[in-house]
Amino acid sequence: MQAGKILLGVGLLLGSAGAAVAQQQAPKPAGAPFSRANIILAYTSAPPDSVLTRLRQHVASRGFIIDSLDASRGLLTTKVVVPAQRPEEQLKLRAVRVAGGWKLTGLFTLEGPGRGNATAFPAQFLGLENAPAKTAFRQVEALARAVPQATLRYDRGKVNFSAFTQLEEALKAVW
């Protein structure tokens, strides 16, 4: 009888612990950003040329400078200017066609004390709402919402640069 109670108690503990682990390992909702998300995947069946047109219109209407627009590769990037005169010049947005949709990322720059000196950081869902990383992430998210008929999914990729990376190298980074 005593052994049965012990087994029952152990079973209850394991069952509740298993439920807690399953709850922790549950995938994040596809339509909601999670902490440190730095990639937005926009799945759409819209033709690539119409998506690029819409993305180009979106960035141009918000004051960004288009750096590259390549219809054959399905690529759009905006240009970073140092020293920046406007907030849009501090943000590099990147949209590239992937299987089934588009992958959107961004990075922002913070200028240092020397003229023409800046450091790049990834746009990510992190910190307070007005924090630079999250403000930049919201710009990437707005660009993703411009993709016609898109279903958004948030992801996290390994960023291949740090605060010590030369700005030119960071601007070329892809994640």
Foldseek 3Di string as FASTA:
>chain_A
DVVVVVVVVVVVVVVVVVVVVCVVPDDDPFQDADFFFFKKWWFDPDDLVVQLVLLVVVCVVVPFAWDDDDSVFSKTWTAADFVDPDQNNQKIWIWTDDVRTIMIGMKGWDADPDGRRIFIDTQTCHDDCPDPSPVNVVVSVVSSVSRPPIRMGTDHDDQPDDRPDGPVVSVVTDD
